[in-house]
C-alpha atoms as a PDB file:
ATOM      1  CA  MET A   1      65.437  92.710 -65.455  1.00  0.00           C
ATOM      2  CA  SER A   2      67.403  95.584 -66.936  1.00  0.00           C
ATOM      3  CA  LEU A   3      65.793  98.947 -67.663  1.00  0.00           C
ATOM      4  CA  ILE A   4      68.948 100.426 -69.154  1.00  0.00           C
ATOM      5  CA  TRP A   5      70.069 100.491 -72.785  1.00  0.00           C
ATOM      6  CA  ASN A   6      73.429 101.704 -73.203  1.00  0.00           C
ATOM      7  CA  ASN A   7      75.302 102.424 -76.530  1.00  0.00           C
ATOM      8  CA  LYS A   8      76.850 105.798 -77.296  1.00  0.00           C
ATOM      9  CA  ILE A   9      73.436 107.155 -76.003  1.00  0.00           C
ATOM     10  CA  SER A  10      71.947 105.590 -72.984  1.00  0.00           C
ATOM     11  CA  VAL A  11      68.259 105.361 -72.101  1.00  0.00           C
ATOM     12  CA  SER A  12      67.271 104.412 -68.596  1.00  0.00           C
ATOM     13  CA  TYR A  13      63.676 103.870 -67.205  1.00  0.00           C
ATOM     14  CA  PHE A  14      62.762 104.155 -63.649  1.00  0.00           C
ATOM     15  CA  GLY A  15      59.685 103.826 -61.412  1.00  0.00           C
ATOM     16  CA  GLU A  16      56.897 101.253 -61.051  1.00  0.00           C
ATOM     17  CA  PRO A  17      54.085 100.660 -63.463  1.00  0.00           C
ATOM     18  CA  HIS A  18      51.378 101.651 -60.909  1.00  0.00           C
ATOM     19  CA  ASP A  19      53.268 104.503 -59.181  1.00  0.00           C
ATOM     20  CA  ALA A  20      52.008 108.088 -59.584  1.00  0.00           C
ATOM     21  CA  VAL A  21      55.085 108.905 -62.024  1.00  0.00           C
ATOM     22  CA  ILE A  22      57.541 106.841 -64.079  1.00  0.00           C
ATOM     23  CA  GLY A  23      60.467 108.371 -65.877  1.00  0.00           C
ATOM     24  CA  VAL A  24      63.454 108.130 -68.140  1.00  0.00           C
ATOM     25  CA  THR A  25      66.931 109.469 -68.180  1.00  0.00           C
ATOM     26  CA  ILE A  26      68.748 110.044 -71.505  1.00  0.00           C
ATOM     27  CA  ASP A  27      72.584 110.498 -71.409  1.00  0.00           C
ATOM     28  CA  ASN A  28      75.212 111.529 -73.894  1.00  0.00           C
ATOM     29  CA  LEU A  29      72.716 113.644 -76.133  1.00  0.00           C
ATOM     30  CA  PRO A  30      74.729 116.294 -78.110  1.00  0.00           C
ATOM     31  CA  SER A  31      74.656 119.807 -76.590  1.00  0.00           C
ATOM     32  CA  GLY A  32      72.927 122.745 -78.141  1.00  0.00           C
ATOM     33  CA  GLU A  33      70.056 120.912 -79.846  1.00  0.00           C
ATOM     34  CA  TYR A  34      66.721 122.851 -79.866  1.00  0.00           C
ATOM     35  CA  ILE A  35      63.968 120.519 -78.392  1.00  0.00           C
ATOM     36  CA  ASP A  36      60.292 121.392 -79.168  1.00  0.00           C
ATOM     37  CA  ALA A  37      58.113 120.091 -76.208  1.00  0.00           C
ATOM     38  CA  GLU A  38      55.048 120.395 -78.356  1.00  0.00           C
ATOM     39  CA  SER A  39      56.264 118.053 -81.064  1.00  0.00           C
ATOM     40  CA  ILE A  40      57.130 115.433 -78.362  1.00  0.00           C
ATOM     41  CA  GLY A  41      53.481 115.886 -77.071  1.00  0.00           C
ATOM     42  CA  ASN A  42      52.186 115.328 -80.541  1.00  0.00           C
ATOM     43  CA  PHE A  43      54.383 112.179 -80.922  1.00  0.00           C
ATOM     44  CA  LEU A  44      52.891 110.662 -77.651  1.00  0.00           C
ATOM     45  CA  LYS A  45      49.323 111.491 -78.836  1.00  0.00           C
ATOM     46  CA  ARG A  46      49.824 108.905 -81.577  1.00  0.00           C
ATOM     47  CA  LEU A  47      49.958 106.178 -78.880  1.00  0.00           C
ATOM     48  CA  TYR A  48      46.276 106.741 -78.338  1.00  0.00           C
ATOM     49  CA  PRO A  49      44.399 106.850 -81.537  1.00  0.00           C
ATOM     50  CA  LYS A  50      40.747 108.066 -81.516  1.00  0.00           C
ATOM     51  CA  SER A  51      39.792 105.395 -83.906  1.00  0.00           C
ATOM     52  CA  LEU A  52      40.318 102.587 -81.146  1.00  0.00           C
ATOM     53  CA  ASN A  53      37.852 103.431 -78.457  1.00  0.00           C
ATOM     54  CA  GLU A  54      37.855 100.152 -76.705  1.00  0.00           C
ATOM     55  CA  GLU A  55      39.620 101.652 -73.613  1.00  0.00           C
ATOM     56  CA  LYS A  56      38.768 105.319 -73.517  1.00  0.00           C
ATOM     57  CA  GLU A  57      40.853 105.787 -70.442  1.00  0.00           C
ATOM     58  CA  ARG A  58      43.966 104.980 -72.206  1.00  0.00           C
ATOM     59  CA  ARG A  59      43.528 108.070 -74.486  1.00  0.00           C
ATOM     60  CA  LYS A  60      44.479 110.367 -71.352  1.00  0.00           C
ATOM     61  CA  ILE A  61      47.718 111.764 -72.632  1.00  0.00           C
ATOM     62  CA  PRO A  62      50.601 111.807 -70.137  1.00  0.00           C
ATOM     63  CA  VAL A  63      52.609 114.949 -70.166  1.00  0.00           C
ATOM     64  CA  PRO A  64      56.313 114.614 -69.521  1.00  0.00           C
ATOM     65  CA  ARG A  65      57.976 117.094 -67.338  1.00  0.00           C
ATOM     66  CA  ILE A  66      61.668 117.646 -68.231  1.00  0.00           C
ATOM     67  CA  MET A  67      63.580 118.005 -65.034  1.00  0.00           C
ATOM     68  CA  SER A  68      67.253 118.388 -66.278  1.00  0.00           C
ATOM     69  CA  GLY A  69      69.368 118.451 -69.321  1.00  0.00           C
ATOM     70  CA  ILE A  70      67.553 121.388 -71.160  1.00  0.00           C
ATOM     71  CA  LYS A  71      68.156 125.064 -70.656  1.00  0.00           C
ATOM     72  CA  ASN A  72      66.323 127.700 -72.784  1.00  0.00           C
ATOM     73  CA  GLY A  73      64.945 124.962 -75.054  1.00  0.00           C
ATOM     74  CA  ARG A  74      68.284 123.568 -75.835  1.00  0.00           C
ATOM     75  CA  THR A  75      70.137 120.436 -74.630  1.00  0.00           C
ATOM     76  CA  THR A  76      73.011 121.075 -72.292  1.00  0.00           C
ATOM     77  CA  GLY A  77      74.927 117.967 -72.792  1.00  0.00           C
ATOM     78  CA  THR A  78      74.183 116.715 -69.276  1.00  0.00           C
ATOM     79  CA  PRO A  79      71.837 113.761 -68.631  1.00  0.00           C
ATOM     80  CA  LEU A  80      68.185 114.698 -69.637  1.00  0.00           C
ATOM     81  CA  CYS A  81      65.729 113.379 -67.202  1.00  0.00           C
ATOM     82  CA  ALA A  82      62.000 113.480 -67.581  1.00  0.00           C
ATOM     83  CA  ILE A  83      59.152 112.246 -65.278  1.00  0.00           C
ATOM     84  CA  ILE A  84      55.763 111.197 -66.625  1.00  0.00           C
ATOM     85  CA  GLN A  85      52.615 111.311 -64.708  1.00  0.00           C
ATOM     86  CA  ASN A  86      50.814 108.023 -64.762  1.00  0.00           C
ATOM     87  CA  PRO A  87      47.193 108.691 -66.044  1.00  0.00           C
ATOM     88  CA  ASN A  88      46.184 105.091 -65.423  1.00  0.00           C
ATOM     89  CA  ILE A  89      46.962 104.368 -61.819  1.00  0.00           C
ATOM     90  CA  GLN A  90      45.016 101.382 -60.823  1.00  0.00           C
ATOM     91  CA  THR A  91      44.697  99.121 -57.820  1.00  0.00           C
ATOM     92  CA  ALA A  92      45.286  95.968 -59.763  1.00  0.00           C
ATOM     93  CA  GLU A  93      45.201  93.886 -56.430  1.00  0.00           C
ATOM     94  CA  LYS A  94      41.393  94.234 -56.412  1.00  0.00           C
ATOM     95  CA  ALA A  95      41.003  92.440 -59.704  1.00  0.00           C
ATOM     96  CA  TYR A  96      44.145  90.489 -60.100  1.00  0.00           C
ATOM     97  CA  VAL A  97      44.443  86.884 -59.594  1.00  0.00           C
ATOM     98  CA  SER A  98      48.013  85.482 -59.843  1.00  0.00           C
ATOM     99  CA  SER A  99      48.273  81.976 -61.364  1.00  0.00           C
ATOM    100  CA  PRO A 100      50.980  80.245 -63.545  1.00  0.00           C
ATOM    101  CA  GLU A 101      48.057  78.879 -65.571  1.00  0.00           C
ATOM    102  CA  ARG A 102      46.626  82.279 -66.377  1.00  0.00           C
ATOM    103  CA  ILE A 103      46.442  82.150 -70.306  1.00  0.00           C
ATOM    104  CA  GLY A 104      49.022  84.403 -71.963  1.00  0.00           C
ATOM    105  CA  SER A 105      50.494  85.762 -68.913  1.00  0.00           C
ATOM    106  CA  SER A 106      54.169  85.990 -67.966  1.00  0.00           C
ATOM    107  CA  ASP A 107      53.403  85.180 -64.374  1.00  0.00           C
ATOM    108  CA  TYR A 108      55.267  81.859 -64.321  1.00  0.00           C
ATOM    109  CA  ALA A 109      58.421  83.185 -66.093  1.00  0.00           C
ATOM    110  CA  GLY A 110      58.463  86.302 -63.900  1.00  0.00           C
ATOM    111  CA  THR A 111      58.183  84.422 -60.732  1.00  0.00           C
ATOM    112  CA  SER A 112      60.915  81.930 -61.694  1.00  0.00           C
ATOM    113  CA  HIS A 113      63.250  84.861 -62.643  1.00  0.00           C
ATOM    114  CA  CYS A 114      62.865  86.574 -59.277  1.00  0.00           C
ATOM    115  CA  LYS A 115      63.018  83.303 -57.394  1.00  0.00           C
ATOM    116  CA  GLY A 116      59.422  83.979 -55.884  1.00  0.00           C
ATOM    117  CA  PHE A 117      60.401  87.366 -54.330  1.00  0.00           C
ATOM    118  CA  ASP A 118      58.773  89.443 -57.074  1.00  0.00           C
ATOM    119  CA  ASP A 119      55.641  91.609 -56.688  1.00  0.00           C
ATOM    120  CA  ILE A 120      53.929  89.813 -59.652  1.00  0.00           C
ATOM    121  CA  LYS A 121      51.114  92.401 -59.818  1.00  0.00           C
ATOM    122  CA  ARG A 122      53.791  94.965 -60.814  1.00  0.00           C
ATOM    123  CA  LEU A 123      56.278  92.557 -62.651  1.00  0.00           C
ATOM    124  CA  ALA A 124      53.766  91.334 -65.165  1.00  0.00           C
ATOM    125  CA  SER A 125      52.792  94.870 -66.415  1.00  0.00           C
ATOM    126  CA  TYR A 126      56.304  96.385 -66.465  1.00  0.00           C
ATOM    127  CA  PRO A 127      57.065  96.369 -70.251  1.00  0.00           C
ATOM    128  CA  ILE A 128      53.741  97.848 -71.454  1.00  0.00           C
ATOM    129  CA  HIS A 129      53.874 100.773 -69.070  1.00  0.00           C
ATOM    130  CA  PHE A 130      57.360 101.771 -70.246  1.00  0.00           C
ATOM    131  CA  ILE A 131      56.216 102.503 -73.805  1.00  0.00           C
ATOM    132  CA  VAL A 132      55.570 106.078 -72.899  1.00  0.00           C
ATOM    133  CA  PRO A 133      59.259 106.730 -71.871  1.00  0.00           C
ATOM    134  CA  LEU A 134      60.507 104.873 -74.912  1.00  0.00           C
ATOM    135  CA  CYS A 135      58.372 107.111 -77.157  1.00  0.00           C
ATOM    136  CA  PHE A 136      59.377 110.164 -75.338  1.00  0.00           C
ATOM    137  CA  SER A 137      63.000 109.278 -75.928  1.00  0.00           C
ATOM    138  CA  GLY A 138      62.378 108.360 -79.566  1.00  0.00           C
ATOM    139  CA  ALA A 139      60.469 111.642 -80.246  1.00  0.00           C
ATOM    140  CA  LEU A 140      63.374 113.632 -78.838  1.00  0.00           C
ATOM    141  CA  CYS A 141      65.938 111.766 -80.940  1.00  0.00           C
ATOM    142  CA  ALA A 142      63.711 112.271 -83.995  1.00  0.00           C
ATOM    143  CA  GLN A 143      64.020 116.019 -83.567  1.00  0.00           C
ATOM    144  CA  ILE A 144      67.700 115.979 -83.637  1.00  0.00           C
ATOM    145  CA  LEU A 145      67.827 113.577 -86.637  1.00  0.00           C
ATOM    146  CA  GLU A 146      65.404 115.527 -88.761  1.00  0.00           C
ATOM    147  CA  LYS A 147      67.376 118.712 -88.517  1.00  0.00           C
ATOM    148  CA  ARG A 148      69.955 116.650 -90.531  1.00  0.00           C
ATOM    149  CA  GLY A 149      67.321 115.484 -93.038  1.00  0.00           C
ATOM    150  CA  ILE A 150      66.852 111.950 -91.522  1.00  0.00           C
ATOM    151  CA  TYR A 151      63.155 110.854 -91.248  1.00  0.00           C
ATOM    152  CA  THR A 152      61.655 107.663 -89.872  1.00  0.00           C
ATOM    153  CA  GLY A 153      57.979 106.523 -90.128  1.00  0.00           C
ATOM    154  CA  ALA A 154      56.149 103.311 -89.475  1.00  0.00           C
ATOM    155  CA  HIS A 155      52.815 101.958 -90.646  1.00  0.00           C
ATOM    156  CA  ILE A 156      50.651  98.897 -89.889  1.00  0.00           C
ATOM    157  CA  ALA A 157      51.631  96.447 -92.507  1.00  0.00           C
ATOM    158  CA  SER A 158      48.957  93.937 -91.332  1.00  0.00           C
ATOM    159  CA  VAL A 159      46.526  93.129 -88.589  1.00  0.00           C
ATOM    160  CA  HIS A 160      45.405  89.439 -88.436  1.00  0.00           C
ATOM    161  CA  ASN A 161      45.316  88.544 -92.093  1.00  0.00           C
ATOM    162  CA  ILE A 162      44.473  91.850 -93.600  1.00  0.00           C
ATOM    163  CA  LYS A 163      47.661  93.545 -95.235  1.00  0.00           C
ATOM    164  CA  ASP A 164      48.223  97.212 -95.935  1.00  0.00           C
ATOM    165  CA  ASN A 165      50.165  98.384 -99.030  1.00  0.00           C
ATOM    166  CA  PRO A 166      54.075  98.143 -98.352  1.00  0.00           C
ATOM    167  CA  PHE A 167      56.436 101.056 -98.483  1.00  0.00           C
ATOM    168  CA  ASP A 168      58.275 101.381-101.800  1.00  0.00           C
ATOM    169  CA  PRO A 169      61.759  99.922-100.624  1.00  0.00           C
ATOM    170  CA  VAL A 170      63.844 101.904-103.192  1.00  0.00           C
ATOM    171  CA  CYS A 171      62.037 105.178-103.702  1.00  0.00           C
ATOM    172  CA  ILE A 172      60.291 105.966-100.424  1.00  0.00           C
ATOM    173  CA  SER A 173      60.487 109.828 -99.811  1.00  0.00           C
ATOM    174  CA  ARG A 174      60.312 112.112 -96.783  1.00  0.00           C
ATOM    175  CA  ASP A 175      56.774 112.986 -97.683  1.00  0.00           C
ATOM    176  CA  ALA A 176      55.675 109.406 -97.691  1.00  0.00           C
ATOM    177  CA  VAL A 177      57.083 108.980 -94.273  1.00  0.00           C
ATOM    178  CA  LEU A 178      55.585 112.121 -92.901  1.00  0.00           C
ATOM    179  CA  SER A 179      52.083 111.548 -94.390  1.00  0.00           C
ATOM    180  CA  ILE A 180      51.648 108.344 -92.310  1.00  0.00           C
ATOM    181  CA  ARG A 181      52.086 110.541 -88.991  1.00  0.00           C
ATOM    182  CA  LEU A 182      49.006 112.763 -89.867  1.00  0.00           C
ATOM    183  CA  LYS A 183      46.591 109.748 -89.771  1.00  0.00           C
ATOM    184  CA  ASP A 184      44.849 108.582 -86.835  1.00  0.00           C
ATOM    185  CA  PHE A 185      45.189 104.948 -87.805  1.00  0.00           C
ATOM    186  CA  PRO A 186      48.721 104.636 -89.400  1.00  0.00           C
ATOM    187  CA  VAL A 187      48.176 102.839 -92.685  1.00  0.00           C
ATOM    188  CA  ILE A 188      49.081 103.728 -96.231  1.00  0.00           C
ATOM    189  CA  ASN A 189      45.755 102.273 -97.836  1.00  0.00           C
ATOM    190  CA  ASP A 190      42.821 103.860 -95.905  1.00  0.00           C
ATOM    191  CA  TYR A 191      40.445 101.108 -97.104  1.00  0.00           C
ATOM    192  CA  LYS A 192      42.604  98.412 -95.680  1.00  0.00           C
ATOM    193  CA  GLY A 193      42.707 100.435 -92.396  1.00  0.00           C
ATOM    194  CA  TRP A 194      38.889 100.295 -92.160  1.00  0.00           C
ATOM    195  CA  LEU A 195      38.982  96.506 -92.806  1.00  0.00           C
ATOM    196  CA  MET A 196      41.446  96.290 -89.920  1.00  0.00           C
ATOM    197  CA  LEU A 197      39.426  98.427 -87.613  1.00  0.00           C
ATOM    198  CA  ASP A 198      36.360  96.285 -88.419  1.00  0.00           C
ATOM    199  CA  ASP A 199      38.464  93.001 -87.651  1.00  0.00           C
ATOM    200  CA  ILE A 200      39.556  94.634 -84.404  1.00  0.00           C
ATOM    201  CA  THR A 201      36.083  95.427 -83.377  1.00  0.00           C
ATOM    202  CA  LYS A 202      34.867  91.989 -84.191  1.00  0.00           C
ATOM    203  CA  ALA A 203      37.610  90.396 -82.216  1.00  0.00           C
ATOM    204  CA  HIS A 204      36.810  92.802 -79.219  1.00  0.00           C
ATOM    205  CA  GLU A 205      33.189  91.620 -79.232  1.00  0.00           C
ATOM    206  CA  ALA A 206      34.235  88.096 -79.309  1.00  0.00           C
ATOM    207  CA  GLY A 207      36.637  88.556 -76.404  1.00  0.00           C
ATOM    208  CA  GLU A 208      39.678  87.832 -78.544  1.00  0.00           C
ATOM    209  CA  SER A 209      42.895  89.620 -79.367  1.00  0.00           C
ATOM    210  CA  LEU A 210      44.907  90.150 -82.620  1.00  0.00           C
ATOM    211  CA  GLY A 211      48.539  90.594 -83.642  1.00  0.00           C
ATOM    212  CA  GLY A 212      49.987  91.917 -86.865  1.00  0.00           C
ATOM    213  CA  VAL A 213      53.226  93.284 -88.509  1.00  0.00           C
ATOM    214  CA  ILE A 214      54.810  96.741 -88.289  1.00  0.00           C
ATOM    215  CA  GLU A 215      56.785  97.970 -91.340  1.00  0.00           C
ATOM    216  CA  CYS A 216      59.149 101.065 -90.524  1.00  0.00           C
ATOM    217  CA  ALA A 217      61.412 103.010 -92.863  1.00  0.00           C
ATOM    218  CA  SER A 218      64.143 105.533 -92.396  1.00  0.00           C
ATOM    219  CA  VAL A 219      65.205 107.703 -95.324  1.00  0.00           C
ATOM    220  CA  ASN A 220      68.368 109.821 -96.054  1.00  0.00           C
ATOM    221  CA  VAL A 221      70.541 107.685 -93.590  1.00  0.00           C
ATOM    222  CA  PRO A 222      74.007 108.135 -95.119  1.00  0.00           C
ATOM    223  CA  ALA A 223      76.165 105.236 -96.047  1.00  0.00           C
ATOM    224  CA  GLY A 224      78.837 103.991 -93.681  1.00  0.00           C
ATOM    225  CA  VAL A 225      76.810 104.234 -90.364  1.00  0.00           C
ATOM    226  CA  GLY A 226      77.323 101.285 -87.880  1.00  0.00           C
ATOM    227  CA  GLU A 227      79.622  98.524 -87.085  1.00  0.00           C
ATOM    228  CA  SER A 228      79.981  94.964 -88.543  1.00  0.00           C
ATOM    229  CA  VAL A 229      79.485  92.879 -85.450  1.00  0.00           C
ATOM    230  CA  PHE A 230      77.923  93.621 -81.911  1.00  0.00           C
ATOM    231  CA  THR A 231      77.482  97.328 -81.536  1.00  0.00           C
ATOM    232  CA  GLY A 232      76.348  98.427 -84.953  1.00  0.00           C
ATOM    233  CA  LEU A 233      73.194 100.195 -86.126  1.00  0.00           C
ATOM    234  CA  LYS A 234      71.429  96.959 -87.192  1.00  0.00           C
ATOM    235  CA  ASN A 235      72.233  95.310 -83.730  1.00  0.00           C
ATOM    236  CA  SER A 236      70.978  98.445 -81.970  1.00  0.00           C
ATOM    237  CA  ILE A 237      67.725  98.539 -83.808  1.00  0.00           C
ATOM    238  CA  ALA A 238      67.177  94.847 -83.000  1.00  0.00           C
ATOM    239  CA  GLN A 239      67.829  95.402 -79.364  1.00  0.00           C
ATOM    240  CA  LEU A 240      65.461  98.343 -78.874  1.00  0.00           C
ATOM    241  CA  VAL A 241      62.648  96.893 -80.939  1.00  0.00           C
ATOM    242  CA  PHE A 242      62.837  93.713 -78.863  1.00  0.00           C
ATOM    243  CA  GLY A 243      62.428  95.876 -75.780  1.00  0.00           C
ATOM    244  CA  ILE A 244      58.935  96.617 -77.021  1.00  0.00           C
ATOM    245  CA  PRO A 245      56.226  94.340 -75.419  1.00  0.00           C
ATOM    246  CA  ALA A 246      54.609  91.698 -77.742  1.00  0.00           C
ATOM    247  CA  ILE A 247      57.413  91.915 -80.315  1.00  0.00           C
ATOM    248  CA  SER A 248      58.047  88.301 -81.468  1.00  0.00           C
ATOM    249  CA  GLY A 249      60.278  88.755 -84.438  1.00  0.00           C
ATOM    250  CA  ILE A 250      62.155  91.141 -86.730  1.00  0.00           C
ATOM    251  CA  GLU A 251      63.466  91.228 -90.386  1.00  0.00           C
ATOM    252  CA  PHE A 252      65.452  93.606 -92.453  1.00  0.00           C
ATOM    253  CA  GLY A 253      64.758  94.135 -96.119  1.00  0.00           C
ATOM    254  CA  SER A 254      63.713  90.785 -97.768  1.00  0.00           C
ATOM    255  CA  GLY A 255      64.068  89.147 -94.344  1.00  0.00           C
ATOM    256  CA  PHE A 256      62.899  85.496 -94.120  1.00  0.00           C
ATOM    257  CA  SER A 257      61.739  85.530 -97.620  1.00  0.00           C
ATOM    258  CA  ALA A 258      65.334  85.772 -98.743  1.00  0.00           C
ATOM    259  CA  SER A 259      65.772  82.099 -97.791  1.00  0.00           C
ATOM    260  CA  GLU A 260      63.450  81.334-100.747  1.00  0.00           C
ATOM    261  CA  MET A 261      65.562  83.162-103.234  1.00  0.00           C
ATOM    262  CA  ILE A 262      68.637  82.335-105.300  1.00  0.00           C
ATOM    263  CA  GLY A 263      71.756  84.607-105.137  1.00  0.00           C
ATOM    264  CA  SER A 264      71.027  86.419-108.278  1.00  0.00           C
ATOM    265  CA  GLN A 265      67.446  87.306-107.097  1.00  0.00           C
ATOM    266  CA  TYR A 266      68.598  88.563-103.623  1.00  0.00           C
ATOM    267  CA  SER A 267      71.726  90.475-104.679  1.00  0.00           C
ATOM    268  CA  ASP A 268      71.232  94.178-105.289  1.00  0.00           C
ATOM    269  CA  ARG A 269      72.847  95.930-108.212  1.00  0.00           C
ATOM    270  CA  PHE A 270      74.543  99.210-107.424  1.00  0.00           C
ATOM    271  CA  TYR A 271      74.803 102.193-109.790  1.00  0.00           C
ATOM    272  CA  THR A 272      75.538 105.842-109.686  1.00  0.00           C
ATOM    273  CA  ASP A 273      72.515 108.061-110.216  1.00  0.00           C
ATOM    274  CA  GLU A 274      72.205 111.546-111.881  1.00  0.00           C
ATOM    275  CA  ARG A 275      73.218 113.319-108.514  1.00  0.00           C
ATOM    276  CA  GLY A 276      76.380 111.241-108.302  1.00  0.00           C
ATOM    277  CA  ARG A 277      75.018 109.069-105.541  1.00  0.00           C
ATOM    278  CA  THR A 278      75.693 105.389-105.167  1.00  0.00           C
ATOM    279  CA  ARG A 279      72.216 103.650-105.206  1.00  0.00           C
ATOM    280  CA  SER A 280      70.859 100.103-105.760  1.00  0.00           C
ATOM    281  CA  LYS A 281      68.138  99.191-108.206  1.00  0.00           C
ATOM    282  CA  THR A 282      66.484  96.944-105.515  1.00  0.00           C
ATOM    283  CA  ASN A 283      66.733  96.917-101.841  1.00  0.00           C
ATOM    284  CA  SER A 284      66.613  93.297-100.686  1.00  0.00           C
ATOM    285  CA  HIS A 285      69.381  94.191 -98.129  1.00  0.00           C
ATOM    286  CA  GLY A 286      67.144  96.649 -96.480  1.00  0.00           C
ATOM    287  CA  GLY A 287      69.718  99.399 -96.261  1.00  0.00           C
ATOM    288  CA  PHE A 288      72.366  97.280 -94.621  1.00  0.00           C
ATOM    289  CA  LEU A 289      75.326  95.252 -95.885  1.00  0.00           C
ATOM    290  CA  GLY A 290      77.772  93.729 -93.449  1.00  0.00           C
ATOM    291  CA  GLY A 291      75.791  95.444 -90.749  1.00  0.00           C
ATOM    292  CA  VAL A 292      76.736  98.894 -92.098  1.00  0.00           C
ATOM    293  CA  SER A 293      74.242 101.375 -93.792  1.00  0.00           C
ATOM    294  CA  THR A 294      74.446 101.552 -97.542  1.00  0.00           C
ATOM    295  CA  GLY A 295      72.551 104.889 -97.989  1.00  0.00           C
ATOM    296  CA  MET A 296      69.459 103.151 -99.334  1.00  0.00           C
ATOM    297  CA  PRO A 297      66.279 103.381 -97.197  1.00  0.00           C
ATOM    298  CA  ILE A 298      66.463 101.319 -94.160  1.00  0.00           C
ATOM    299  CA  ILE A 299      63.388  98.957 -94.107  1.00  0.00           C
ATOM    300  CA  ILE A 300      62.468  96.684 -91.193  1.00  0.00           C
ATOM    301  CA  ASN A 301      59.325  94.536 -90.456  1.00  0.00           C
ATOM    302  CA  ALA A 302      58.538  93.654 -86.798  1.00  0.00           C
ATOM    303  CA  SER A 303      56.032  90.940 -85.761  1.00  0.00           C
ATOM    304  CA  VAL A 304      53.506  91.682 -82.987  1.00  0.00           C
ATOM    305  CA  GLN A 305      51.903  88.816 -81.181  1.00  0.00           C
ATOM    306  CA  PRO A 306      48.284  88.954 -79.797  1.00  0.00           C
ATOM    307  CA  LEU A 307      48.377  90.060 -76.108  1.00  0.00           C
ATOM    308  CA  ASN A 308      46.758  88.347 -73.258  1.00  0.00           C
ATOM    309  CA  ASN A 309      43.256  89.336 -73.870  1.00  0.00           C
ATOM    310  CA  ASN A 310      42.371  89.665 -70.166  1.00  0.00           C
ATOM    311  CA  TYR A 311      45.665  91.674 -69.387  1.00  0.00           C
ATOM    312  CA  MET A 312      46.188  92.034 -65.646  1.00  0.00           C
ATOM    313  CA  GLY A 313      42.594  90.812 -65.056  1.00  0.00           C
ATOM    314  CA  LEU A 314      41.386  94.371 -65.752  1.00  0.00           C
ATOM    315  CA  ASN A 315      40.657  96.078 -69.114  1.00  0.00           C
ATOM    316  CA  LYS A 316      40.881  93.951 -72.243  1.00  0.00           C
ATOM    317  CA  LYS A 317      43.188  94.975 -74.861  1.00  0.00           C
ATOM    318  CA  THR A 318      42.187  93.600 -78.313  1.00  0.00           C
ATOM    319  CA  CYS A 319      45.134  94.788 -80.424  1.00  0.00           C
ATOM    320  CA  PHE A 320      48.470  96.392 -79.562  1.00  0.00           C
ATOM    321  CA  VAL A 321      49.505  96.771 -83.008  1.00  0.00           C
ATOM    322  CA  PRO A 322      48.709 100.613 -83.462  1.00  0.00           C
ATOM    323  CA  GLU A 323      50.725 101.391 -80.408  1.00  0.00           C
ATOM    324  CA  ALA A 324      53.557  99.159 -81.526  1.00  0.00           C
ATOM    325  CA  ALA A 325      53.857 101.211 -84.710  1.00  0.00           C
ATOM    326  CA  VAL A 326      54.760 104.391 -82.717  1.00  0.00           C
ATOM    327  CA  CYS A 327      57.050 102.210 -80.445  1.00  0.00           C
ATOM    328  CA  VAL A 328      59.005 100.798 -83.399  1.00  0.00           C
ATOM    329  CA  GLU A 329      59.483 104.321 -84.845  1.00  0.00           C
ATOM    330  CA  ALA A 330      60.770 105.607 -81.631  1.00  0.00           C
ATOM    331  CA  ALA A 331      63.133 102.617 -81.128  1.00  0.00           C
ATOM    332  CA  VAL A 332      64.785 103.093 -84.536  1.00  0.00           C
ATOM    333  CA  ASN A 333      65.107 106.775 -83.908  1.00  0.00           C
ATOM    334  CA  ILE A 334      67.114 106.077 -80.781  1.00  0.00           C
ATOM    335  CA  ALA A 335      69.251 103.549 -82.569  1.00  0.00           C
ATOM    336  CA  LEU A 336      69.911 105.935 -85.335  1.00  0.00           C
ATOM    337  CA  LEU A 337      70.882 108.828 -83.257  1.00  0.00           C
ATOM    338  CA  SER A 338      73.165 106.602 -81.023  1.00  0.00           C
ATOM    339  CA  ASN A 339      74.976 105.398 -84.076  1.00  0.00           C
ATOM    340  CA  MET A 340      75.039 108.845 -85.844  1.00  0.00           C
ATOM    341  CA  ILE A 341      76.798 110.669 -83.057  1.00  0.00           C
ATOM    342  CA  ASP A 342      80.301 109.763 -84.291  1.00  0.00           C
ATOM    343  CA  TYR A 343      79.466 110.208 -87.871  1.00  0.00           C
ATOM    344  CA  PRO A 344      81.679 112.944 -89.510  1.00  0.00           C
ATOM    345  CA  ASN A 345      80.346 116.452 -89.014  1.00  0.00           C
ATOM    346  CA  PHE A 346      77.091 115.110 -87.563  1.00  0.00           C
ATOM    347  CA  CYS A 347      77.219 117.339 -84.457  1.00  0.00           C
ATOM    348  CA  LEU A 348      78.321 120.436 -86.505  1.00  0.00           C
ATOM    349  CA  ARG A 349      75.515 122.740 -87.574  1.00  0.00           C
END
């Protein structure tokens, strides 16, 4: 398996899930960028919402320790390395039973990949333990982007069959994005959030697990960012989002529903607004045409599958969707910064 994502910025994970520490190295960050450690900590706290108390020990907040790449609070331009204390070191061997028939597990696929030489107790839990390094990286990238007015936020679009209100794909504002971050349970409609929490509680009591959908939006991304084929912004977002555990699908803008439209319904009509900006009256394209940003809000939806509800034979995890919302936001931030590095005047302040 690869633990390295490499575009203009590279992100590399290291360590083992049940070791005392895991870590991440981020290379090719612009130099001279002020980084607020407290803001990164607040971002990571969102991975452990108080509204979900099914696993109290999961709310122990890991504190990253930055080992290199920052001096006097600013990036140096050299690789930034952070180590993260693992708050949930467990002796999984005591409760773990390896079997290709274990429902919902990746044991068989992992063993086949490693030709039987893997440590399956560690391999099976690799992806979920690296959500903290992912979110650390995304939080750091977000700070650099937000200094240029680019903001990204995600909410729970649905859990099971309960749906939240969607973002306005045309007129979403910076404040609408930021308001989601202030909530312990990231939804737009709080009543729908209560219904979701009740559904999660009932599933937990029944020994079941639930999936859902995450909607993520980025605002103030300028037009012309990205490439048309393999290495562009749209591709980068997809790569990083699929690196999140339990993600089973992603769509941009109208996504799969576009297959049910005719061309005149799907095509967005562009115009020049009162500020001289080129905008579109609708946003079926989700902020991309030909793989390149159009200046409209970037809108994606990511599907989250139900997890194995007896994960690793230890604590049950009923619903990964709230954590996935934070992870998707982090992934989009990394992709945006990586593709914005070469944008004209981006690194000039």
